[in-house]
Amino acid sequence: MEKKGLNLGTHITLIFASIISVFPILWILSTSFKFKEDVLKPGIHLIPTNFTLSNYQHVLSMDNYIFWKWLGNSIMIAVITTIIGLCLASTTAYAFSRFEFKGKKTLLFSFLLTQMFPGAILIVPLYNIIKNFGLLNSYTGLLIAYSTISLPFCVWMLKSFFDTIPRSLEEAAMIDGLTSFGTFWKIILPLSLPGLSVTAFFSFITAWNEFMFALTFMSTSEHYTLPVGLRTFVFEFNTDWNYMAAGAIIVSLPVLIFFFIAQKFLISGLTAGGVKG
């Protein structure tokens, strides 16, 4: 009886926590189908009284179709950041996992140390570096910033995953004539697809959702990413919540599609990467 009461309490707590977590998403989804005057009505109305698609139409057909430009910028930056993250993190993590060299522990700790500070602290030094190289208001400068903040976690994630792969597989491959790079390319990477999926997903999310760096480094609307572009719906004395909600739903779609496609690898990658650190 006591165990059943404990289980019931646990389930009630989890249901309550799930409702709290899902409610903001439902509210945004509902708001995206409302007229502005309906959004400002007092009370909580998750089901729109006057259903409309005009908010999505307005967002997608803004002046000079600027929303599509922001979408293109976000996709380009997120994809390139993901590719950079995979290339640099996989080779670096493999070196940390398989080779012994002077300063290895210090370097690993330095990667971990960067994750202990909030991203806002990095804005000023990165801004000065990018400004000195003349990369402000450029996609290259933003890519450097995003790669900087995502790489340490990616390295640690992949190192933990590479540690779970038996060294005997590499030794057997080298006996068959493969070089060190050939072993890494043909043996290690194919076996590491779940870990690589987690790394790719994290890099993509980092670049897709990031706001502060894009707002600081980009000065013209044509170079905005989607999170910064949505800020244009916020005015000094007024906010177009209906347009912002529609834009937010559109922004979330690529991430949801990415997650559903790769969820099998993501789940196995997260569990396998936590076996050995």
C-alpha atoms as a PDB file:
ATOM      1  CA  MET A   1       0.000   0.000   0.000  1.00  0.00           C
ATOM      2  CA  GLU A   2       2.816   2.356   0.909  1.00  0.00           C
ATOM      3  CA  LYS A   3       4.581   1.606  -2.376  1.00  0.00           C
ATOM      4  CA  LYS A   4       1.381   2.232  -4.348  1.00  0.00           C
ATOM      5  CA  GLY A   5       0.924   5.579  -2.605  1.00  0.00           C
ATOM      6  CA  LEU A   6       4.504   6.530  -3.471  1.00  0.00           C
ATOM      7  CA  ASN A   7       4.001   5.559  -7.121  1.00  0.00           C
ATOM      8  CA  LEU A   8       0.747   7.527  -7.277  1.00  0.00           C
ATOM      9  CA  GLY A   9       2.460  10.590  -5.837  1.00  0.00           C
ATOM     10  CA  THR A  10       5.287  10.239  -8.353  1.00  0.00           C
ATOM     11  CA  HIS A  11       2.859   9.977 -11.271  1.00  0.00           C
ATOM     12  CA  ILE A  12       0.859  13.000 -10.108  1.00  0.00           C
ATOM     13  CA  THR A  13       4.058  15.023  -9.779  1.00  0.00           C
ATOM     14  CA  LEU A  14       5.231  14.002 -13.246  1.00  0.00           C
ATOM     15  CA  ILE A  15       1.830  14.806 -14.792  1.00  0.00           C
ATOM     16  CA  PHE A  16       1.804  18.215 -13.111  1.00  0.00           C
ATOM     17  CA  ALA A  17       5.366  18.924 -14.289  1.00  0.00           C
ATOM     18  CA  SER A  18       4.453  17.846 -17.840  1.00  0.00           C
ATOM     19  CA  ILE A  19       1.466  20.194 -17.905  1.00  0.00           C
ATOM     20  CA  ILE A  20       3.651  23.089 -16.755  1.00  0.00           C
ATOM     21  CA  SER A  21       6.229  22.256 -19.440  1.00  0.00           C
ATOM     22  CA  VAL A  22       3.739  21.869 -22.288  1.00  0.00           C
ATOM     23  CA  PHE A  23       1.494  24.835 -21.441  1.00  0.00           C
ATOM     24  CA  PRO A  24       3.799  27.592 -22.851  1.00  0.00           C
ATOM     25  CA  ILE A  25       4.063  25.698 -26.148  1.00  0.00           C
ATOM     26  CA  LEU A  26       0.290  25.308 -26.367  1.00  0.00           C
ATOM     27  CA  TRP A  27      -0.169  28.983 -25.530  1.00  0.00           C
ATOM     28  CA  ILE A  28       2.225  30.062 -28.300  1.00  0.00           C
ATOM     29  CA  LEU A  29       0.539  27.712 -30.778  1.00  0.00           C
ATOM     30  CA  SER A  30      -2.879  29.063 -29.826  1.00  0.00           C
ATOM     31  CA  THR A  31      -1.711  32.683 -30.012  1.00  0.00           C
ATOM     32  CA  SER A  32      -0.373  32.150 -33.517  1.00  0.00           C
ATOM     33  CA  PHE A  33      -3.943  31.504 -34.719  1.00  0.00           C
ATOM     34  CA  LYS A  34      -5.539  34.499 -32.960  1.00  0.00           C
ATOM     35  CA  PHE A  35      -6.198  38.079 -33.994  1.00  0.00           C
ATOM     36  CA  LYS A  36      -4.289  40.687 -32.010  1.00  0.00           C
ATOM     37  CA  GLU A  37      -7.372  41.927 -30.155  1.00  0.00           C
ATOM     38  CA  ASP A  38      -8.148  38.343 -29.049  1.00  0.00           C
ATOM     39  CA  VAL A  39      -4.628  37.875 -27.700  1.00  0.00           C
ATOM     40  CA  LEU A  40      -5.016  40.864 -25.371  1.00  0.00           C
ATOM     41  CA  LYS A  41      -8.306  39.681 -23.885  1.00  0.00           C
ATOM     42  CA  PRO A  42      -8.066  38.852 -20.162  1.00  0.00           C
ATOM     43  CA  GLY A  43      -8.048  35.227 -19.137  1.00  0.00           C
ATOM     44  CA  ILE A  44      -6.537  32.054 -20.604  1.00  0.00           C
ATOM     45  CA  HIS A  45      -8.107  30.896 -23.861  1.00  0.00           C
ATOM     46  CA  LEU A  46      -6.138  28.069 -25.466  1.00  0.00           C
ATOM     47  CA  ILE A  47      -8.769  27.507 -28.143  1.00  0.00           C
ATOM     48  CA  PRO A  48      -8.971  30.562 -30.455  1.00  0.00           C
ATOM     49  CA  THR A  49     -12.399  32.167 -30.619  1.00  0.00           C
ATOM     50  CA  ASN A  50     -11.754  33.515 -34.117  1.00  0.00           C
ATOM     51  CA  PHE A  51      -9.359  31.146 -35.873  1.00  0.00           C
ATOM     52  CA  THR A  52      -7.086  32.814 -38.475  1.00  0.00           C
ATOM     53  CA  LEU A  53      -4.019  32.054 -40.589  1.00  0.00           C
ATOM     54  CA  SER A  54      -3.370  35.727 -41.277  1.00  0.00           C
ATOM     55  CA  ASN A  55      -0.497  35.849 -38.772  1.00  0.00           C
ATOM     56  CA  TYR A  56       1.465  33.249 -40.718  1.00  0.00           C
ATOM     57  CA  GLN A  57       0.611  34.982 -43.974  1.00  0.00           C
ATOM     58  CA  HIS A  58       1.859  38.303 -42.608  1.00  0.00           C
ATOM     59  CA  VAL A  59       5.117  36.840 -41.282  1.00  0.00           C
ATOM     60  CA  LEU A  60       5.927  34.948 -44.475  1.00  0.00           C
ATOM     61  CA  SER A  61       5.136  37.948 -46.704  1.00  0.00           C
ATOM     62  CA  MET A  62       6.828  40.739 -44.722  1.00  0.00           C
ATOM     63  CA  ASP A  63       8.529  43.633 -46.543  1.00  0.00           C
ATOM     64  CA  ASN A  64      10.762  42.257 -49.304  1.00  0.00           C
ATOM     65  CA  TYR A  65      10.106  38.793 -47.867  1.00  0.00           C
ATOM     66  CA  ILE A  66      12.732  39.520 -45.208  1.00  0.00           C
ATOM     67  CA  PHE A  67      11.544  36.570 -43.102  1.00  0.00           C
ATOM     68  CA  TRP A  68      12.722  34.187 -45.829  1.00  0.00           C
ATOM     69  CA  LYS A  69      16.084  35.946 -45.777  1.00  0.00           C
ATOM     70  CA  TRP A  70      16.317  35.406 -42.024  1.00  0.00           C
ATOM     71  CA  LEU A  71      15.328  31.766 -42.518  1.00  0.00           C
ATOM     72  CA  GLY A  72      18.045  31.316 -45.126  1.00  0.00           C
ATOM     73  CA  ASN A  73      20.618  32.948 -42.856  1.00  0.00           C
ATOM     74  CA  SER A  74      19.689  30.679 -39.942  1.00  0.00           C
ATOM     75  CA  ILE A  75      19.769  27.512 -42.040  1.00  0.00           C
ATOM     76  CA  MET A  76      23.122  28.405 -43.599  1.00  0.00           C
ATOM     77  CA  ILE A  77      24.764  29.345 -40.295  1.00  0.00           C
ATOM     78  CA  ALA A  78      23.324  26.360 -38.415  1.00  0.00           C
ATOM     79  CA  VAL A  79      24.372  23.849 -41.090  1.00  0.00           C
ATOM     80  CA  ILE A  80      27.907  25.243 -41.442  1.00  0.00           C
ATOM     81  CA  THR A  81      28.304  25.405 -37.651  1.00  0.00           C
ATOM     82  CA  THR A  82      27.222  21.767 -37.460  1.00  0.00           C
ATOM     83  CA  ILE A  83      29.734  20.714 -40.115  1.00  0.00           C
ATOM     84  CA  ILE A  84      32.551  22.651 -38.425  1.00  0.00           C
ATOM     85  CA  GLY A  85      31.565  21.214 -35.059  1.00  0.00           C
ATOM     86  CA  LEU A  86      31.566  17.634 -36.369  1.00  0.00           C
ATOM     87  CA  CYS A  87      34.905  17.954 -38.161  1.00  0.00           C
ATOM     88  CA  LEU A  88      36.803  19.677 -35.359  1.00  0.00           C
ATOM     89  CA  ALA A  89      35.165  17.850 -32.458  1.00  0.00           C
ATOM     90  CA  SER A  90      35.548  14.364 -33.930  1.00  0.00           C
ATOM     91  CA  THR A  91      39.263  14.697 -34.690  1.00  0.00           C
ATOM     92  CA  THR A  92      40.012  16.460 -31.396  1.00  0.00           C
ATOM     93  CA  ALA A  93      38.003  13.980 -29.334  1.00  0.00           C
ATOM     94  CA  TYR A  94      39.685  11.039 -31.088  1.00  0.00           C
ATOM     95  CA  ALA A  95      43.105  12.458 -30.224  1.00  0.00           C
ATOM     96  CA  PHE A  96      42.107  12.872 -26.581  1.00  0.00           C
ATOM     97  CA  SER A  97      40.625   9.377 -26.469  1.00  0.00           C
ATOM     98  CA  ARG A  98      43.402   7.410 -28.150  1.00  0.00           C
ATOM     99  CA  PHE A  99      46.701   9.258 -27.713  1.00  0.00           C
ATOM    100  CA  GLU A 100      48.812  10.282 -24.740  1.00  0.00           C
ATOM    101  CA  PHE A 101      50.611  13.603 -24.990  1.00  0.00           C
ATOM    102  CA  LYS A 102      51.943  16.311 -22.730  1.00  0.00           C
ATOM    103  CA  GLY A 103      49.293  18.667 -21.392  1.00  0.00           C
ATOM    104  CA  LYS A 104      46.394  16.360 -22.259  1.00  0.00           C
ATOM    105  CA  LYS A 105      44.633  16.676 -18.901  1.00  0.00           C
ATOM    106  CA  THR A 106      45.192  20.437 -18.819  1.00  0.00           C
ATOM    107  CA  LEU A 107      43.666  20.869 -22.267  1.00  0.00           C
ATOM    108  CA  LEU A 108      40.692  18.690 -21.373  1.00  0.00           C
ATOM    109  CA  PHE A 109      40.137  20.715 -18.215  1.00  0.00           C
ATOM    110  CA  SER A 110      40.344  23.956 -20.208  1.00  0.00           C
ATOM    111  CA  PHE A 111      37.549  22.691 -22.481  1.00  0.00           C
ATOM    112  CA  LEU A 112      35.463  21.894 -19.412  1.00  0.00           C
ATOM    113  CA  LEU A 113      36.291  25.237 -17.800  1.00  0.00           C
ATOM    114  CA  THR A 114      34.772  27.206 -20.675  1.00  0.00           C
ATOM    115  CA  GLN A 115      31.431  25.507 -20.025  1.00  0.00           C
ATOM    116  CA  MET A 116      31.336  26.764 -16.432  1.00  0.00           C
ATOM    117  CA  PHE A 117      30.759  30.377 -17.413  1.00  0.00           C
ATOM    118  CA  PRO A 118      27.592  31.868 -18.923  1.00  0.00           C
ATOM    119  CA  GLY A 119      27.766  32.702 -22.608  1.00  0.00           C
ATOM    120  CA  ALA A 120      27.221  36.404 -21.902  1.00  0.00           C
ATOM    121  CA  ILE A 121      30.738  36.643 -20.452  1.00  0.00           C
ATOM    122  CA  LEU A 122      32.210  35.687 -23.835  1.00  0.00           C
ATOM    123  CA  ILE A 123      30.411  38.422 -25.770  1.00  0.00           C
ATOM    124  CA  VAL A 124      32.869  41.263 -25.048  1.00  0.00           C
ATOM    125  CA  PRO A 125      36.141  39.370 -25.748  1.00  0.00           C
ATOM    126  CA  LEU A 126      34.678  37.722 -28.855  1.00  0.00           C
ATOM    127  CA  TYR A 127      33.321  41.069 -30.037  1.00  0.00           C
ATOM    128  CA  ASN A 128      36.769  42.647 -29.722  1.00  0.00           C
ATOM    129  CA  ILE A 129      38.437  39.757 -31.555  1.00  0.00           C
ATOM    130  CA  ILE A 130      35.909  39.755 -34.375  1.00  0.00           C
ATOM    131  CA  LYS A 131      36.035  43.553 -34.633  1.00  0.00           C
ATOM    132  CA  ASN A 132      39.854  43.530 -34.899  1.00  0.00           C
ATOM    133  CA  PHE A 133      39.609  41.056 -37.776  1.00  0.00           C
ATOM    134  CA  GLY A 134      36.972  43.184 -39.498  1.00  0.00           C
ATOM    135  CA  LEU A 135      34.324  40.466 -39.305  1.00  0.00           C
ATOM    136  CA  LEU A 136      31.501  42.371 -37.630  1.00  0.00           C
ATOM    137  CA  ASN A 137      28.163  42.129 -39.440  1.00  0.00           C
ATOM    138  CA  SER A 138      29.436  39.109 -41.353  1.00  0.00           C
ATOM    139  CA  TYR A 139      28.446  35.465 -41.358  1.00  0.00           C
ATOM    140  CA  THR A 140      32.083  34.422 -40.869  1.00  0.00           C
ATOM    141  CA  GLY A 141      32.321  36.258 -37.552  1.00  0.00           C
ATOM    142  CA  LEU A 142      29.118  34.664 -36.305  1.00  0.00           C
ATOM    143  CA  LEU A 143      30.303  31.206 -37.376  1.00  0.00           C
ATOM    144  CA  ILE A 144      33.512  31.682 -35.398  1.00  0.00           C
ATOM    145  CA  ALA A 145      31.519  32.669 -32.313  1.00  0.00           C
ATOM    146  CA  TYR A 146      29.133  29.734 -32.564  1.00  0.00           C
ATOM    147  CA  SER A 147      31.924  27.240 -33.165  1.00  0.00           C
ATOM    148  CA  THR A 148      33.715  28.605 -30.100  1.00  0.00           C
ATOM    149  CA  ILE A 149      30.792  28.076 -27.747  1.00  0.00           C
ATOM    150  CA  SER A 150      29.689  24.669 -29.076  1.00  0.00           C
ATOM    151  CA  LEU A 151      33.045  22.936 -29.599  1.00  0.00           C
ATOM    152  CA  PRO A 152      34.024  22.211 -25.944  1.00  0.00           C
ATOM    153  CA  PHE A 153      30.820  20.271 -25.182  1.00  0.00           C
ATOM    154  CA  CYS A 154      31.053  18.424 -28.509  1.00  0.00           C
ATOM    155  CA  VAL A 155      34.625  17.334 -27.767  1.00  0.00           C
ATOM    156  CA  TRP A 156      33.681  15.972 -24.348  1.00  0.00           C
ATOM    157  CA  MET A 157      30.637  14.199 -25.741  1.00  0.00           C
ATOM    158  CA  LEU A 158      32.535  12.468 -28.542  1.00  0.00           C
ATOM    159  CA  LYS A 159      35.507  11.603 -26.350  1.00  0.00           C
ATOM    160  CA  SER A 160      33.188   9.768 -23.960  1.00  0.00           C
ATOM    161  CA  PHE A 161      31.705   7.896 -26.917  1.00  0.00           C
ATOM    162  CA  PHE A 162      35.083   7.036 -28.491  1.00  0.00           C
ATOM    163  CA  ASP A 163      36.213   5.664 -25.120  1.00  0.00           C
ATOM    164  CA  THR A 164      33.497   2.986 -25.358  1.00  0.00           C
ATOM    165  CA  ILE A 165      34.823   1.628 -28.686  1.00  0.00           C
ATOM    166  CA  PRO A 166      37.302  -1.242 -28.123  1.00  0.00           C
ATOM    167  CA  ARG A 167      40.870  -0.510 -29.227  1.00  0.00           C
ATOM    168  CA  SER A 168      41.109  -4.069 -30.529  1.00  0.00           C
ATOM    169  CA  LEU A 169      39.006  -3.053 -33.554  1.00  0.00           C
ATOM    170  CA  GLU A 170      41.595  -0.444 -34.539  1.00  0.00           C
ATOM    171  CA  GLU A 171      44.471  -2.843 -33.958  1.00  0.00           C
ATOM    172  CA  ALA A 172      42.819  -5.420 -36.206  1.00  0.00           C
ATOM    173  CA  ALA A 173      42.248  -2.790 -38.897  1.00  0.00           C
ATOM    174  CA  MET A 174      45.897  -1.681 -38.756  1.00  0.00           C
ATOM    175  CA  ILE A 175      47.044  -5.285 -39.078  1.00  0.00           C
ATOM    176  CA  ASP A 176      44.972  -5.431 -42.267  1.00  0.00           C
ATOM    177  CA  GLY A 177      46.902  -2.443 -43.608  1.00  0.00           C
ATOM    178  CA  LEU A 178      44.839   0.601 -42.693  1.00  0.00           C
ATOM    179  CA  THR A 179      46.613   3.774 -41.615  1.00  0.00           C
ATOM    180  CA  SER A 180      45.681   5.692 -38.451  1.00  0.00           C
ATOM    181  CA  PHE A 181      43.487   8.053 -40.446  1.00  0.00           C
ATOM    182  CA  GLY A 182      41.989   5.171 -42.420  1.00  0.00           C
ATOM    183  CA  THR A 183      41.086   3.424 -39.182  1.00  0.00           C
ATOM    184  CA  PHE A 184      39.486   6.604 -37.870  1.00  0.00           C
ATOM    185  CA  TRP A 185      37.557   7.194 -41.111  1.00  0.00           C
ATOM    186  CA  LYS A 186      36.440   3.643 -41.933  1.00  0.00           C
ATOM    187  CA  ILE A 187      36.109   2.052 -38.494  1.00  0.00           C
ATOM    188  CA  ILE A 188      35.636   4.627 -35.733  1.00  0.00           C
ATOM    189  CA  LEU A 189      33.312   7.117 -37.436  1.00  0.00           C
ATOM    190  CA  PRO A 190      30.805   4.523 -38.752  1.00  0.00           C
ATOM    191  CA  LEU A 191      30.611   2.993 -35.266  1.00  0.00           C
ATOM    192  CA  SER A 192      30.134   6.447 -33.762  1.00  0.00           C
ATOM    193  CA  LEU A 193      27.033   7.527 -35.685  1.00  0.00           C
ATOM    194  CA  PRO A 194      24.889   7.838 -32.512  1.00  0.00           C
ATOM    195  CA  GLY A 195      27.522  10.047 -30.858  1.00  0.00           C
ATOM    196  CA  LEU A 196      27.986  12.080 -34.010  1.00  0.00           C
ATOM    197  CA  SER A 197      24.206  12.568 -34.200  1.00  0.00           C
ATOM    198  CA  VAL A 198      24.123  14.005 -30.676  1.00  0.00           C
ATOM    199  CA  THR A 199      27.030  16.299 -31.517  1.00  0.00           C
ATOM    200  CA  ALA A 200      25.395  17.451 -34.734  1.00  0.00           C
ATOM    201  CA  PHE A 201      22.091  18.076 -32.969  1.00  0.00           C
ATOM    202  CA  PHE A 202      23.744  20.128 -30.213  1.00  0.00           C
ATOM    203  CA  SER A 203      25.737  22.208 -32.711  1.00  0.00           C
ATOM    204  CA  PHE A 204      22.642  22.801 -34.823  1.00  0.00           C
ATOM    205  CA  ILE A 205      20.536  23.829 -31.817  1.00  0.00           C
ATOM    206  CA  THR A 206      23.271  26.143 -30.548  1.00  0.00           C
ATOM    207  CA  ALA A 207      23.420  28.055 -33.815  1.00  0.00           C
ATOM    208  CA  TRP A 208      19.688  27.922 -34.545  1.00  0.00           C
ATOM    209  CA  ASN A 209      18.399  29.269 -31.220  1.00  0.00           C
ATOM    210  CA  GLU A 210      21.230  31.633 -30.236  1.00  0.00           C
ATOM    211  CA  PHE A 211      20.213  35.275 -29.820  1.00  0.00           C
ATOM    212  CA  MET A 212      22.801  37.369 -27.956  1.00  0.00           C
ATOM    213  CA  PHE A 213      25.761  36.882 -30.281  1.00  0.00           C
ATOM    214  CA  ALA A 214      23.683  37.385 -33.417  1.00  0.00           C
ATOM    215  CA  LEU A 215      22.146  40.563 -31.989  1.00  0.00           C
ATOM    216  CA  THR A 216      25.554  41.932 -30.962  1.00  0.00           C
ATOM    217  CA  PHE A 217      27.550  41.053 -34.079  1.00  0.00           C
ATOM    218  CA  MET A 218      24.925  41.767 -36.753  1.00  0.00           C
ATOM    219  CA  SER A 219      23.888  45.369 -37.445  1.00  0.00           C
ATOM    220  CA  THR A 220      21.743  45.164 -40.598  1.00  0.00           C
ATOM    221  CA  SER A 221      18.398  43.398 -40.900  1.00  0.00           C
ATOM    222  CA  GLU A 222      19.494  41.494 -44.013  1.00  0.00           C
ATOM    223  CA  HIS A 223      22.079  39.667 -41.885  1.00  0.00           C
ATOM    224  CA  TYR A 224      19.742  38.811 -39.001  1.00  0.00           C
ATOM    225  CA  THR A 225      19.021  35.234 -38.011  1.00  0.00           C
ATOM    226  CA  LEU A 226      15.481  34.171 -37.130  1.00  0.00           C
ATOM    227  CA  PRO A 227      15.711  34.728 -33.332  1.00  0.00           C
ATOM    228  CA  VAL A 228      16.957  38.285 -33.872  1.00  0.00           C
ATOM    229  CA  GLY A 229      14.428  38.869 -36.621  1.00  0.00           C
ATOM    230  CA  LEU A 230      11.558  37.964 -34.283  1.00  0.00           C
ATOM    231  CA  ARG A 231      12.713  40.791 -32.033  1.00  0.00           C
ATOM    232  CA  THR A 232      11.435  43.265 -34.649  1.00  0.00           C
ATOM    233  CA  PHE A 233       7.890  42.463 -33.488  1.00  0.00           C
ATOM    234  CA  VAL A 234       8.694  44.019 -30.100  1.00  0.00           C
ATOM    235  CA  PHE A 235       8.202  47.788 -30.025  1.00  0.00           C
ATOM    236  CA  GLU A 236       8.770  50.345 -27.275  1.00  0.00           C
ATOM    237  CA  PHE A 237       5.137  50.548 -26.195  1.00  0.00           C
ATOM    238  CA  ASN A 238       3.607  47.572 -27.953  1.00  0.00           C
ATOM    239  CA  THR A 239       4.298  43.973 -28.975  1.00  0.00           C
ATOM    240  CA  ASP A 240       2.720  42.032 -31.829  1.00  0.00           C
ATOM    241  CA  TRP A 241       2.315  38.798 -29.878  1.00  0.00           C
ATOM    242  CA  ASN A 242       0.301  37.154 -32.635  1.00  0.00           C
ATOM    243  CA  TYR A 243       3.025  37.704 -35.254  1.00  0.00           C
ATOM    244  CA  MET A 244       5.776  36.733 -32.831  1.00  0.00           C
ATOM    245  CA  ALA A 245       3.967  33.510 -31.935  1.00  0.00           C
ATOM    246  CA  ALA A 246       3.526  32.584 -35.601  1.00  0.00           C
ATOM    247  CA  GLY A 247       7.204  33.274 -36.228  1.00  0.00           C
ATOM    248  CA  ALA A 248       8.203  31.207 -33.191  1.00  0.00           C
ATOM    249  CA  ILE A 249       6.214  28.207 -34.436  1.00  0.00           C
ATOM    250  CA  ILE A 250       7.878  28.455 -37.848  1.00  0.00           C
ATOM    251  CA  VAL A 251      11.312  28.742 -36.210  1.00  0.00           C
ATOM    252  CA  SER A 252      10.733  25.566 -34.197  1.00  0.00           C
ATOM    253  CA  LEU A 253       9.736  23.405 -37.180  1.00  0.00           C
ATOM    254  CA  PRO A 254      13.249  22.669 -38.575  1.00  0.00           C
ATOM    255  CA  VAL A 255      14.446  21.611 -35.121  1.00  0.00           C
ATOM    256  CA  LEU A 256      11.461  19.295 -34.660  1.00  0.00           C
ATOM    257  CA  ILE A 257      12.025  17.763 -38.093  1.00  0.00           C
ATOM    258  CA  PHE A 258      15.731  17.277 -37.313  1.00  0.00           C
ATOM    259  CA  PHE A 259      14.879  15.647 -33.980  1.00  0.00           C
ATOM    260  CA  PHE A 260      12.282  13.221 -35.348  1.00  0.00           C
ATOM    261  CA  ILE A 261      14.614  12.134 -38.150  1.00  0.00           C
ATOM    262  CA  ALA A 262      17.580  11.531 -35.860  1.00  0.00           C
ATOM    263  CA  GLN A 263      15.852  10.615 -32.583  1.00  0.00           C
ATOM    264  CA  LYS A 264      16.876   6.942 -32.777  1.00  0.00           C
ATOM    265  CA  PHE A 265      20.547   7.881 -33.004  1.00  0.00           C
ATOM    266  CA  LEU A 266      20.155  10.685 -30.458  1.00  0.00           C
ATOM    267  CA  ILE A 267      18.745   8.404 -27.758  1.00  0.00           C
ATOM    268  CA  SER A 268      21.320   5.647 -28.293  1.00  0.00           C
ATOM    269  CA  GLY A 269      24.103   8.241 -28.506  1.00  0.00           C
ATOM    270  CA  LEU A 270      23.178   9.876 -25.205  1.00  0.00           C
ATOM    271  CA  THR A 271      22.985   6.543 -23.379  1.00  0.00           C
ATOM    272  CA  ALA A 272      26.154   5.089 -24.926  1.00  0.00           C
ATOM    273  CA  GLY A 273      28.126   8.286 -24.331  1.00  0.00           C
ATOM    274  CA  GLY A 274      27.364   8.091 -20.635  1.00  0.00           C
ATOM    275  CA  VAL A 275      28.723   4.570 -20.146  1.00  0.00           C
ATOM    276  CA  LYS A 276      32.356   5.535 -19.850  1.00  0.00           C
ATOM    277  CA  GLY A 277      33.847   8.989 -19.258  1.00  0.00           C
END
